[in-house]
Amino acid sequence: MLFSCVPETGGCEWANLKGFVAQLNSELGTKYERTACLDVEERNVKMPEILLEAPGSPPLVVENKVVAWPEDYCRRHESFHTFVNQFVGSLRRTSIGFNGSPYKLSIHEDSLDGMRLNQVRSLADELARQVHAREDEAKSKKGAKGSQPITWHFGSRNPEEWGEPASSRAIMVETQGSLEPVWESGDFKITDEESLLQFVEARNQAEEARRLSALKGIAASLDEAMKRAKGKFEKFDGHTKLLLLTFVGDSSSGISVKDIGGLVVAAELPTEIDEVWVAYPNWTSQWDYEYAWKRMR
């Protein structure tokens, strides 16, 4: 239930919520329809996203929240997608030489930290220029790499590692760890069974510490989301008030579905919220999914 991609928000969020309404109607045997995008129609007042009404059923109001951790995850996610779109577009415009096979650009995950979006776009254009200038090398078995203005590597890739058909000709971008990792395996020299056990124990402790830190951060973000949602529902006595949650973040933190469920069940639920639903991926193919929802409170 921890998504890596952040759903698009802003304006009427019906595009994100119509799947939920269809699922709700299917499960309850109702015919709820959206009758208002409340937070769009009343911009100067705190309002939930949508109002749902159905013959013979109580009216529903729905608020949709993204719970993200780390705190800057959404901003970093936007920067990464901006970089990817700009790099691929710039390289395609510069040369058709990379259209016949799949390729991959690798950069460190913190390479875009602190950059404004215009700087991210400029960086993407510069890397596309460098790859184009070294086209023959970039197409070779080893690929091309550089260290300016950031460390990068560009070369051929196996599309199946991304869960795509072998016929894919996409240019992908991936991040491969930070420049300053939290834990370095190089700190250990494995010479015997005892040193191997010490290495494994230290790694497990570091991973558990990271998981617990992420849990604490997600719990705080969840608490804040519920407090913000509370204010959206205050004017809707007589309506059933539903809070929808989508958890996003770095899956390498070790957070599990069970962890997320435990946080939602243990959270202090404001009396203004009647139900809490959590998004999860409903896989439609090996590499694509739709949002589905599970009631947790």
C-alpha atoms as a PDB file:
ATOM      1  CA  MET A   1       0.000   0.000   0.000  1.00  0.00           C
ATOM      2  CA  LEU A   2       3.053   2.289  -0.208  1.00  0.00           C
ATOM      3  CA  PHE A   3       3.025   3.776  -3.713  1.00  0.00           C
ATOM      4  CA  SER A   4       6.151   5.193  -5.319  1.00  0.00           C
ATOM      5  CA  CYS A   5       4.219   7.475  -7.701  1.00  0.00           C
ATOM      6  CA  VAL A   6       2.273  10.441  -6.377  1.00  0.00           C
ATOM      7  CA  PRO A   7      -1.280  10.747  -7.792  1.00  0.00           C
ATOM      8  CA  GLU A   8      -2.014  14.005  -9.580  1.00  0.00           C
ATOM      9  CA  THR A   9      -3.984  16.468  -7.474  1.00  0.00           C
ATOM     10  CA  GLY A  10      -5.491  19.900  -7.950  1.00  0.00           C
ATOM     11  CA  GLY A  11      -8.880  21.107  -9.141  1.00  0.00           C
ATOM     12  CA  CYS A  12     -11.759  18.662  -9.031  1.00  0.00           C
ATOM     13  CA  GLU A  13     -10.259  15.276  -8.217  1.00  0.00           C
ATOM     14  CA  TRP A  14     -13.040  13.300  -9.865  1.00  0.00           C
ATOM     15  CA  ALA A  15     -10.525  11.588 -12.162  1.00  0.00           C
ATOM     16  CA  ASN A  16      -8.874  10.100  -9.065  1.00  0.00           C
ATOM     17  CA  LEU A  17     -12.129   9.278  -7.285  1.00  0.00           C
ATOM     18  CA  LYS A  18     -14.509   7.881  -9.894  1.00  0.00           C
ATOM     19  CA  GLY A  19     -12.911   4.448  -9.547  1.00  0.00           C
ATOM     20  CA  PHE A  20     -13.595   4.544  -5.821  1.00  0.00           C
ATOM     21  CA  VAL A  21     -17.241   5.495  -6.397  1.00  0.00           C
ATOM     22  CA  ALA A  22     -17.656   2.634  -8.877  1.00  0.00           C
ATOM     23  CA  GLN A  23     -16.158   0.200  -6.350  1.00  0.00           C
ATOM     24  CA  LEU A  24     -18.363   1.582  -3.562  1.00  0.00           C
ATOM     25  CA  ASN A  25     -21.520   1.179  -5.645  1.00  0.00           C
ATOM     26  CA  SER A  26     -20.506  -2.343  -6.585  1.00  0.00           C
ATOM     27  CA  GLU A  27     -19.889  -3.359  -2.974  1.00  0.00           C
ATOM     28  CA  LEU A  28     -22.985  -1.681  -1.499  1.00  0.00           C
ATOM     29  CA  GLY A  29     -25.399  -2.204  -4.385  1.00  0.00           C
ATOM     30  CA  THR A  30     -26.013   1.549  -4.535  1.00  0.00           C
ATOM     31  CA  LYS A  31     -26.103   4.114  -7.342  1.00  0.00           C
ATOM     32  CA  TYR A  32     -24.116   7.021  -5.930  1.00  0.00           C
ATOM     33  CA  GLU A  33     -23.285   9.797  -8.376  1.00  0.00           C
ATOM     34  CA  ARG A  34     -21.128  12.877  -8.001  1.00  0.00           C
ATOM     35  CA  THR A  35     -23.365  15.909  -7.642  1.00  0.00           C
ATOM     36  CA  ALA A  36     -20.717  18.509  -6.742  1.00  0.00           C
ATOM     37  CA  CYS A  37     -16.976  19.133  -6.686  1.00  0.00           C
ATOM     38  CA  LEU A  38     -17.242  20.983  -3.394  1.00  0.00           C
ATOM     39  CA  ASP A  39     -13.713  22.342  -2.967  1.00  0.00           C
ATOM     40  CA  VAL A  40     -13.810  23.791  -6.487  1.00  0.00           C
ATOM     41  CA  GLU A  41     -17.221  25.401  -6.178  1.00  0.00           C
ATOM     42  CA  GLU A  42     -16.469  26.871  -2.723  1.00  0.00           C
ATOM     43  CA  ARG A  43     -12.830  27.943  -2.964  1.00  0.00           C
ATOM     44  CA  ASN A  44     -12.922  30.312   0.015  1.00  0.00           C
ATOM     45  CA  VAL A  45     -14.266  27.719   2.471  1.00  0.00           C
ATOM     46  CA  LYS A  46     -12.737  24.436   3.616  1.00  0.00           C
ATOM     47  CA  MET A  47     -14.625  21.716   1.785  1.00  0.00           C
ATOM     48  CA  PRO A  48     -14.176  18.014   1.007  1.00  0.00           C
ATOM     49  CA  GLU A  49     -13.490  16.983  -2.584  1.00  0.00           C
ATOM     50  CA  ILE A  50     -16.868  15.653  -3.726  1.00  0.00           C
ATOM     51  CA  LEU A  51     -20.501  15.219  -2.722  1.00  0.00           C
ATOM     52  CA  LEU A  52     -22.165  11.913  -3.647  1.00  0.00           C
ATOM     53  CA  GLU A  53     -25.899  11.309  -3.684  1.00  0.00           C
ATOM     54  CA  ALA A  54     -28.096   8.309  -4.501  1.00  0.00           C
ATOM     55  CA  PRO A  55     -31.840   7.588  -4.297  1.00  0.00           C
ATOM     56  CA  GLY A  56     -32.746   6.075  -0.929  1.00  0.00           C
ATOM     57  CA  SER A  57     -29.191   6.372   0.469  1.00  0.00           C
ATOM     58  CA  PRO A  58     -27.614   8.922   2.820  1.00  0.00           C
ATOM     59  CA  PRO A  59     -25.493  11.593   1.119  1.00  0.00           C
ATOM     60  CA  LEU A  60     -21.735  11.076   1.235  1.00  0.00           C
ATOM     61  CA  VAL A  61     -18.875  13.568   1.261  1.00  0.00           C
ATOM     62  CA  VAL A  62     -15.383  12.381   0.348  1.00  0.00           C
ATOM     63  CA  GLU A  63     -12.003  13.878   1.192  1.00  0.00           C
ATOM     64  CA  ASN A  64      -8.900  12.448  -0.485  1.00  0.00           C
ATOM     65  CA  LYS A  65      -5.467  12.836   1.151  1.00  0.00           C
ATOM     66  CA  VAL A  66      -1.943  11.808   0.174  1.00  0.00           C
ATOM     67  CA  VAL A  67       0.187  10.691   3.130  1.00  0.00           C
ATOM     68  CA  ALA A  68       3.852  11.050   2.152  1.00  0.00           C
ATOM     69  CA  TRP A  69       7.164  10.306   3.798  1.00  0.00           C
ATOM     70  CA  PRO A  70       9.833  11.698   3.770  1.00  0.00           C
ATOM     71  CA  GLU A  71       8.242  15.134   4.067  1.00  0.00           C
ATOM     72  CA  ASP A  72       9.801  16.313   0.802  1.00  0.00           C
ATOM     73  CA  TYR A  73       8.902  13.120  -1.104  1.00  0.00           C
ATOM     74  CA  CYS A  74       6.237  14.743  -3.287  1.00  0.00           C
ATOM     75  CA  ARG A  75       8.521  17.628  -4.237  1.00  0.00           C
ATOM     76  CA  ARG A  76      11.375  15.256  -5.078  1.00  0.00           C
ATOM     77  CA  HIS A  77       8.994  13.050  -7.045  1.00  0.00           C
ATOM     78  CA  GLU A  78       7.849  16.045  -9.104  1.00  0.00           C
ATOM     79  CA  SER A  79      11.468  17.026  -9.762  1.00  0.00           C
ATOM     80  CA  PHE A  80      12.317  13.505 -10.919  1.00  0.00           C
ATOM     81  CA  HIS A  81       9.382  13.313 -13.342  1.00  0.00           C
ATOM     82  CA  THR A  82      10.209  16.781 -14.666  1.00  0.00           C
ATOM     83  CA  PHE A  83      13.796  15.642 -15.236  1.00  0.00           C
ATOM     84  CA  VAL A  84      12.723  12.418 -16.985  1.00  0.00           C
ATOM     85  CA  ASN A  85      10.273  14.138 -19.322  1.00  0.00           C
ATOM     86  CA  GLN A  86      12.750  16.894 -20.168  1.00  0.00           C
ATOM     87  CA  PHE A  87      15.681  14.523 -20.743  1.00  0.00           C
ATOM     88  CA  VAL A  88      13.756  12.105 -22.951  1.00  0.00           C
ATOM     89  CA  GLY A  89      12.126  14.907 -24.925  1.00  0.00           C
ATOM     90  CA  SER A  90      15.415  16.754 -25.398  1.00  0.00           C
ATOM     91  CA  LEU A  91      17.271  13.628 -26.508  1.00  0.00           C
ATOM     92  CA  ARG A  92      14.503  12.657 -28.938  1.00  0.00           C
ATOM     93  CA  ARG A  93      14.530  16.145 -30.451  1.00  0.00           C
ATOM     94  CA  THR A  94      18.311  16.139 -30.778  1.00  0.00           C
ATOM     95  CA  SER A  95      18.741  12.731 -32.383  1.00  0.00           C
ATOM     96  CA  ILE A  96      16.716   9.832 -33.792  1.00  0.00           C
ATOM     97  CA  GLY A  97      19.666   7.514 -33.149  1.00  0.00           C
ATOM     98  CA  PHE A  98      18.241   6.247 -29.871  1.00  0.00           C
ATOM     99  CA  ASN A  99      14.782   5.353 -31.207  1.00  0.00           C
ATOM    100  CA  GLY A 100      15.555   1.789 -32.276  1.00  0.00           C
ATOM    101  CA  SER A 101      16.525   0.189 -28.960  1.00  0.00           C
ATOM    102  CA  PRO A 102      15.819   0.580 -25.231  1.00  0.00           C
ATOM    103  CA  TYR A 103      18.256   2.716 -23.212  1.00  0.00           C
ATOM    104  CA  LYS A 104      18.656   3.746 -19.593  1.00  0.00           C
ATOM    105  CA  LEU A 105      20.128   6.801 -17.879  1.00  0.00           C
ATOM    106  CA  SER A 106      21.309   6.231 -14.302  1.00  0.00           C
ATOM    107  CA  ILE A 107      21.885   9.036 -11.794  1.00  0.00           C
ATOM    108  CA  HIS A 108      22.211   9.230  -8.007  1.00  0.00           C
ATOM    109  CA  GLU A 109      18.873   9.611  -6.218  1.00  0.00           C
ATOM    110  CA  ASP A 110      19.914  12.880  -4.557  1.00  0.00           C
ATOM    111  CA  SER A 111      21.331  14.494  -7.698  1.00  0.00           C
ATOM    112  CA  LEU A 112      18.324  16.815  -8.008  1.00  0.00           C
ATOM    113  CA  ASP A 113      18.179  17.856  -4.352  1.00  0.00           C
ATOM    114  CA  GLY A 114      17.910  21.605  -3.813  1.00  0.00           C
ATOM    115  CA  MET A 115      17.221  22.378  -7.482  1.00  0.00           C
ATOM    116  CA  ARG A 116      14.352  24.502  -8.745  1.00  0.00           C
ATOM    117  CA  LEU A 117      12.342  23.063 -11.624  1.00  0.00           C
ATOM    118  CA  ASN A 118      13.988  25.367 -14.174  1.00  0.00           C
ATOM    119  CA  GLN A 119      17.387  24.101 -12.984  1.00  0.00           C
ATOM    120  CA  VAL A 120      16.166  20.504 -13.273  1.00  0.00           C
ATOM    121  CA  ARG A 121      15.145  21.126 -16.883  1.00  0.00           C
ATOM    122  CA  SER A 122      18.480  22.777 -17.700  1.00  0.00           C
ATOM    123  CA  LEU A 123      20.341  19.805 -16.205  1.00  0.00           C
ATOM    124  CA  ALA A 124      18.275  17.374 -18.284  1.00  0.00           C
ATOM    125  CA  ASP A 125      19.028  19.351 -21.465  1.00  0.00           C
ATOM    126  CA  GLU A 126      22.757  19.351 -20.660  1.00  0.00           C
ATOM    127  CA  LEU A 127      22.886  15.588 -20.098  1.00  0.00           C
ATOM    128  CA  ALA A 128      20.935  14.989 -23.323  1.00  0.00           C
ATOM    129  CA  ARG A 129      23.502  17.169 -25.130  1.00  0.00           C
ATOM    130  CA  GLN A 130      26.390  15.160 -23.689  1.00  0.00           C
ATOM    131  CA  VAL A 131      24.796  11.812 -24.572  1.00  0.00           C
ATOM    132  CA  HIS A 132      24.128  12.998 -28.119  1.00  0.00           C
ATOM    133  CA  ALA A 133      27.720  14.222 -28.477  1.00  0.00           C
ATOM    134  CA  ARG A 134      28.947  10.735 -27.491  1.00  0.00           C
ATOM    135  CA  GLU A 135      26.301   8.777 -29.381  1.00  0.00           C
ATOM    136  CA  ASP A 136      28.560   5.955 -30.603  1.00  0.00           C
ATOM    137  CA  GLU A 137      29.955   5.405 -27.108  1.00  0.00           C
ATOM    138  CA  ALA A 138      26.486   5.606 -25.554  1.00  0.00           C
ATOM    139  CA  LYS A 139      25.300   2.844 -27.881  1.00  0.00           C
ATOM    140  CA  SER A 140      28.277   0.600 -27.103  1.00  0.00           C
ATOM    141  CA  LYS A 141      28.200  -2.357 -24.737  1.00  0.00           C
ATOM    142  CA  LYS A 142      29.661  -0.356 -21.834  1.00  0.00           C
ATOM    143  CA  GLY A 143      27.722   2.809 -22.552  1.00  0.00           C
ATOM    144  CA  ALA A 144      28.886   6.338 -21.751  1.00  0.00           C
ATOM    145  CA  LYS A 145      29.384   7.955 -18.366  1.00  0.00           C
ATOM    146  CA  GLY A 146      30.396  11.313 -16.946  1.00  0.00           C
ATOM    147  CA  SER A 147      30.817  13.257 -13.730  1.00  0.00           C
ATOM    148  CA  GLN A 148      29.708  16.750 -14.785  1.00  0.00           C
ATOM    149  CA  PRO A 149      27.489  18.485 -13.890  1.00  0.00           C
ATOM    150  CA  ILE A 150      26.419  15.346 -11.993  1.00  0.00           C
ATOM    151  CA  THR A 151      27.545  11.719 -12.049  1.00  0.00           C
ATOM    152  CA  TRP A 152      25.677   9.783 -14.752  1.00  0.00           C
ATOM    153  CA  HIS A 153      25.741   6.673 -16.945  1.00  0.00           C
ATOM    154  CA  PHE A 154      23.821   6.052 -20.164  1.00  0.00           C
ATOM    155  CA  GLY A 155      23.640   2.717 -21.961  1.00  0.00           C
ATOM    156  CA  SER A 156      21.474  -0.085 -23.286  1.00  0.00           C
ATOM    157  CA  ARG A 157      18.985  -1.755 -20.972  1.00  0.00           C
ATOM    158  CA  ASN A 158      16.772  -4.811 -20.658  1.00  0.00           C
ATOM    159  CA  PRO A 159      13.149  -3.617 -20.759  1.00  0.00           C
ATOM    160  CA  GLU A 160      12.005  -6.695 -18.833  1.00  0.00           C
ATOM    161  CA  GLU A 161      13.786  -5.398 -15.712  1.00  0.00           C
ATOM    162  CA  TRP A 162      11.139  -2.649 -15.689  1.00  0.00           C
ATOM    163  CA  GLY A 163       8.342  -5.166 -16.191  1.00  0.00           C
ATOM    164  CA  GLU A 164       7.828  -4.178 -19.814  1.00  0.00           C
ATOM    165  CA  PRO A 165       7.539  -6.221 -23.038  1.00  0.00           C
ATOM    166  CA  ALA A 166      10.817  -7.112 -24.725  1.00  0.00           C
ATOM    167  CA  SER A 167       9.692  -4.985 -27.700  1.00  0.00           C
ATOM    168  CA  SER A 168       9.873  -1.773 -25.624  1.00  0.00           C
ATOM    169  CA  ARG A 169      12.019   1.004 -27.119  1.00  0.00           C
ATOM    170  CA  ALA A 170      11.668   3.436 -24.242  1.00  0.00           C
ATOM    171  CA  ILE A 171      14.400   5.593 -22.744  1.00  0.00           C
ATOM    172  CA  MET A 172      14.235   5.075 -18.994  1.00  0.00           C
ATOM    173  CA  VAL A 173      15.774   6.985 -16.110  1.00  0.00           C
ATOM    174  CA  GLU A 174      16.584   5.371 -12.769  1.00  0.00           C
ATOM    175  CA  THR A 175      18.203   6.442  -9.537  1.00  0.00           C
ATOM    176  CA  GLN A 176      20.849   4.270  -7.912  1.00  0.00           C
ATOM    177  CA  GLY A 177      21.433   5.197  -4.291  1.00  0.00           C
ATOM    178  CA  SER A 178      22.612   8.460  -2.808  1.00  0.00           C
ATOM    179  CA  LEU A 179      26.071   9.970  -2.985  1.00  0.00           C
ATOM    180  CA  GLU A 180      26.246   9.633   0.801  1.00  0.00           C
ATOM    181  CA  PRO A 181      24.575   6.324   1.750  1.00  0.00           C
ATOM    182  CA  VAL A 182      23.261   5.940   5.283  1.00  0.00           C
ATOM    183  CA  TRP A 183      25.205   2.728   5.810  1.00  0.00           C
ATOM    184  CA  GLU A 184      28.385   1.566   4.108  1.00  0.00           C
ATOM    185  CA  SER A 185      29.079  -2.154   3.770  1.00  0.00           C
ATOM    186  CA  GLY A 186      32.697  -1.232   3.119  1.00  0.00           C
ATOM    187  CA  ASP A 187      33.085  -0.541   6.831  1.00  0.00           C
ATOM    188  CA  PHE A 188      33.255  -4.310   7.343  1.00  0.00           C
ATOM    189  CA  LYS A 189      35.939  -6.788   6.334  1.00  0.00           C
ATOM    190  CA  ILE A 190      34.529 -10.283   6.106  1.00  0.00           C
ATOM    191  CA  THR A 191      37.280 -12.777   6.899  1.00  0.00           C
ATOM    192  CA  ASP A 192      35.438 -15.569   8.733  1.00  0.00           C
ATOM    193  CA  GLU A 193      32.011 -16.737   9.875  1.00  0.00           C
ATOM    194  CA  GLU A 194      31.997 -14.431  12.907  1.00  0.00           C
ATOM    195  CA  SER A 195      32.730 -11.318  10.866  1.00  0.00           C
ATOM    196  CA  LEU A 196      30.026 -12.371   8.377  1.00  0.00           C
ATOM    197  CA  LEU A 197      27.495 -12.646  11.208  1.00  0.00           C
ATOM    198  CA  GLN A 198      28.554  -9.203  12.494  1.00  0.00           C
ATOM    199  CA  PHE A 199      28.106  -7.792   9.007  1.00  0.00           C
ATOM    200  CA  VAL A 200      24.600  -9.266   8.674  1.00  0.00           C
ATOM    201  CA  GLU A 201      23.608  -8.072  12.145  1.00  0.00           C
ATOM    202  CA  ALA A 202      24.839  -4.529  11.492  1.00  0.00           C
ATOM    203  CA  ARG A 203      22.999  -4.413   8.181  1.00  0.00           C
ATOM    204  CA  ASN A 204      19.784  -5.705   9.758  1.00  0.00           C
ATOM    205  CA  GLN A 205      20.033  -3.162  12.578  1.00  0.00           C
ATOM    206  CA  ALA A 206      20.535  -0.313  10.092  1.00  0.00           C
ATOM    207  CA  GLU A 207      17.562  -1.441   8.000  1.00  0.00           C
ATOM    208  CA  GLU A 208      15.333  -1.807  11.073  1.00  0.00           C
ATOM    209  CA  ALA A 209      16.351   1.645  12.318  1.00  0.00           C
ATOM    210  CA  ARG A 210      15.434   3.073   8.926  1.00  0.00           C
ATOM    211  CA  ARG A 211      12.074   1.270   8.964  1.00  0.00           C
ATOM    212  CA  LEU A 212      11.236   2.541  12.448  1.00  0.00           C
ATOM    213  CA  SER A 213      12.209   6.082  11.477  1.00  0.00           C
ATOM    214  CA  ALA A 214       9.951   5.850   8.416  1.00  0.00           C
ATOM    215  CA  LEU A 215       7.090   4.492  10.544  1.00  0.00           C
ATOM    216  CA  LYS A 216       7.413   7.416  12.918  1.00  0.00           C
ATOM    217  CA  GLY A 217       7.422   9.886  10.035  1.00  0.00           C
ATOM    218  CA  ILE A 218       4.438   8.273   8.296  1.00  0.00           C
ATOM    219  CA  ALA A 219       2.482   8.205  11.569  1.00  0.00           C
ATOM    220  CA  ALA A 220       3.068  11.955  12.016  1.00  0.00           C
ATOM    221  CA  SER A 221       2.057  12.633   8.409  1.00  0.00           C
ATOM    222  CA  LEU A 222      -1.079  10.504   8.851  1.00  0.00           C
ATOM    223  CA  ASP A 223      -2.022  12.393  12.018  1.00  0.00           C
ATOM    224  CA  GLU A 224      -1.632  15.702  10.187  1.00  0.00           C
ATOM    225  CA  ALA A 225      -3.745  14.464   7.253  1.00  0.00           C
ATOM    226  CA  MET A 226      -6.562  13.477   9.612  1.00  0.00           C
ATOM    227  CA  LYS A 227      -6.453  16.848  11.352  1.00  0.00           C
ATOM    228  CA  ARG A 228      -6.682  18.670   8.011  1.00  0.00           C
ATOM    229  CA  ALA A 229      -9.542  16.431   6.897  1.00  0.00           C
ATOM    230  CA  LYS A 230     -11.431  17.142  10.123  1.00  0.00           C
ATOM    231  CA  GLY A 231     -11.787  20.799   9.141  1.00  0.00           C
ATOM    232  CA  LYS A 232     -13.233  19.826   5.757  1.00  0.00           C
ATOM    233  CA  PHE A 233     -16.088  17.844   7.301  1.00  0.00           C
ATOM    234  CA  GLU A 234     -17.285  20.201  10.028  1.00  0.00           C
ATOM    235  CA  LYS A 235     -20.199  21.634   8.008  1.00  0.00           C
ATOM    236  CA  PHE A 236     -21.630  18.265   6.930  1.00  0.00           C
ATOM    237  CA  ASP A 237     -23.766  16.930   9.765  1.00  0.00           C
ATOM    238  CA  GLY A 238     -26.234  14.417   8.349  1.00  0.00           C
ATOM    239  CA  HIS A 239     -23.745  13.220   5.720  1.00  0.00           C
ATOM    240  CA  THR A 240     -21.566  10.111   5.904  1.00  0.00           C
ATOM    241  CA  LYS A 241     -18.016  11.433   5.866  1.00  0.00           C
ATOM    242  CA  LEU A 242     -15.364   9.338   4.117  1.00  0.00           C
ATOM    243  CA  LEU A 243     -11.610   9.935   4.237  1.00  0.00           C
ATOM    244  CA  LEU A 244      -9.557   8.300   1.483  1.00  0.00           C
ATOM    245  CA  LEU A 245      -5.819   7.861   2.056  1.00  0.00           C
ATOM    246  CA  THR A 246      -3.041   7.148  -0.435  1.00  0.00           C
ATOM    247  CA  PHE A 247       0.347   6.378   1.126  1.00  0.00           C
ATOM    248  CA  VAL A 248       3.390   7.295  -0.958  1.00  0.00           C
ATOM    249  CA  GLY A 249       7.095   7.064  -0.248  1.00  0.00           C
ATOM    250  CA  ASP A 250      10.333   5.179  -0.675  1.00  0.00           C
ATOM    251  CA  SER A 251       9.571   1.449  -0.685  1.00  0.00           C
ATOM    252  CA  SER A 252      13.200   0.657   0.166  1.00  0.00           C
ATOM    253  CA  SER A 253      12.451   1.865   3.707  1.00  0.00           C
ATOM    254  CA  GLY A 254      11.023  -1.587   4.403  1.00  0.00           C
ATOM    255  CA  ILE A 255       7.494  -0.414   5.212  1.00  0.00           C
ATOM    256  CA  SER A 256       5.016  -3.257   4.681  1.00  0.00           C
ATOM    257  CA  VAL A 257       1.279  -3.457   4.025  1.00  0.00           C
ATOM    258  CA  LYS A 258       0.898  -4.701   7.605  1.00  0.00           C
ATOM    259  CA  ASP A 259       2.794  -1.642   8.907  1.00  0.00           C
ATOM    260  CA  ILE A 260       0.485   0.767   7.047  1.00  0.00           C
ATOM    261  CA  GLY A 261      -2.610  -1.058   8.214  1.00  0.00           C
ATOM    262  CA  GLY A 262      -1.394  -0.951  11.808  1.00  0.00           C
ATOM    263  CA  LEU A 263      -0.800   2.791  11.633  1.00  0.00           C
ATOM    264  CA  VAL A 264      -4.296   3.463  10.275  1.00  0.00           C
ATOM    265  CA  VAL A 265      -5.986   1.270  12.890  1.00  0.00           C
ATOM    266  CA  ALA A 266      -3.983   2.812  15.749  1.00  0.00           C
ATOM    267  CA  ALA A 267      -4.387   6.448  14.649  1.00  0.00           C
ATOM    268  CA  GLU A 268      -6.655   8.747  16.666  1.00  0.00           C
ATOM    269  CA  LEU A 269      -9.702   9.217  14.462  1.00  0.00           C
ATOM    270  CA  PRO A 270     -11.529  12.566  14.743  1.00  0.00           C
ATOM    271  CA  THR A 271     -15.244  12.210  15.438  1.00  0.00           C
ATOM    272  CA  GLU A 272     -15.945  14.190  12.246  1.00  0.00           C
ATOM    273  CA  ILE A 273     -14.684  11.245  10.136  1.00  0.00           C
ATOM    274  CA  ASP A 274     -17.006   8.234   9.783  1.00  0.00           C
ATOM    275  CA  GLU A 275     -14.948   5.932   7.570  1.00  0.00           C
ATOM    276  CA  VAL A 276     -11.323   5.591   6.439  1.00  0.00           C
ATOM    277  CA  TRP A 277     -10.417   3.862   3.173  1.00  0.00           C
ATOM    278  CA  VAL A 278      -6.838   3.126   2.055  1.00  0.00           C
ATOM    279  CA  ALA A 279      -5.679   2.812  -1.560  1.00  0.00           C
ATOM    280  CA  TYR A 280      -3.867  -0.253  -2.841  1.00  0.00           C
ATOM    281  CA  PRO A 281      -2.767  -1.321  -6.347  1.00  0.00           C
ATOM    282  CA  ASN A 282      -5.056  -3.619  -8.314  1.00  0.00           C
ATOM    283  CA  TRP A 283      -2.670  -5.021 -10.926  1.00  0.00           C
ATOM    284  CA  THR A 284      -4.161  -5.191 -14.416  1.00  0.00           C
ATOM    285  CA  SER A 285      -0.974  -6.535 -16.015  1.00  0.00           C
ATOM    286  CA  GLN A 286       2.600  -7.343 -15.099  1.00  0.00           C
ATOM    287  CA  TRP A 287       3.536  -3.670 -15.316  1.00  0.00           C
ATOM    288  CA  ASP A 288       0.349  -1.655 -14.780  1.00  0.00           C
ATOM    289  CA  TYR A 289      -2.253  -1.204 -12.068  1.00  0.00           C
ATOM    290  CA  GLU A 290      -5.415   0.679 -11.148  1.00  0.00           C
ATOM    291  CA  TYR A 291      -6.226   2.156  -7.760  1.00  0.00           C
ATOM    292  CA  ALA A 292      -8.522   0.091  -5.543  1.00  0.00           C
ATOM    293  CA  TRP A 293      -9.630   0.773  -1.984  1.00  0.00           C
ATOM    294  CA  LYS A 294     -10.029  -1.076   1.300  1.00  0.00           C
ATOM    295  CA  ARG A 295     -12.046   0.168   4.262  1.00  0.00           C
ATOM    296  CA  MET A 296      -9.798   0.201   7.348  1.00  0.00           C
ATOM    297  CA  ARG A 297     -11.926   2.081   9.949  1.00  0.00           C
END
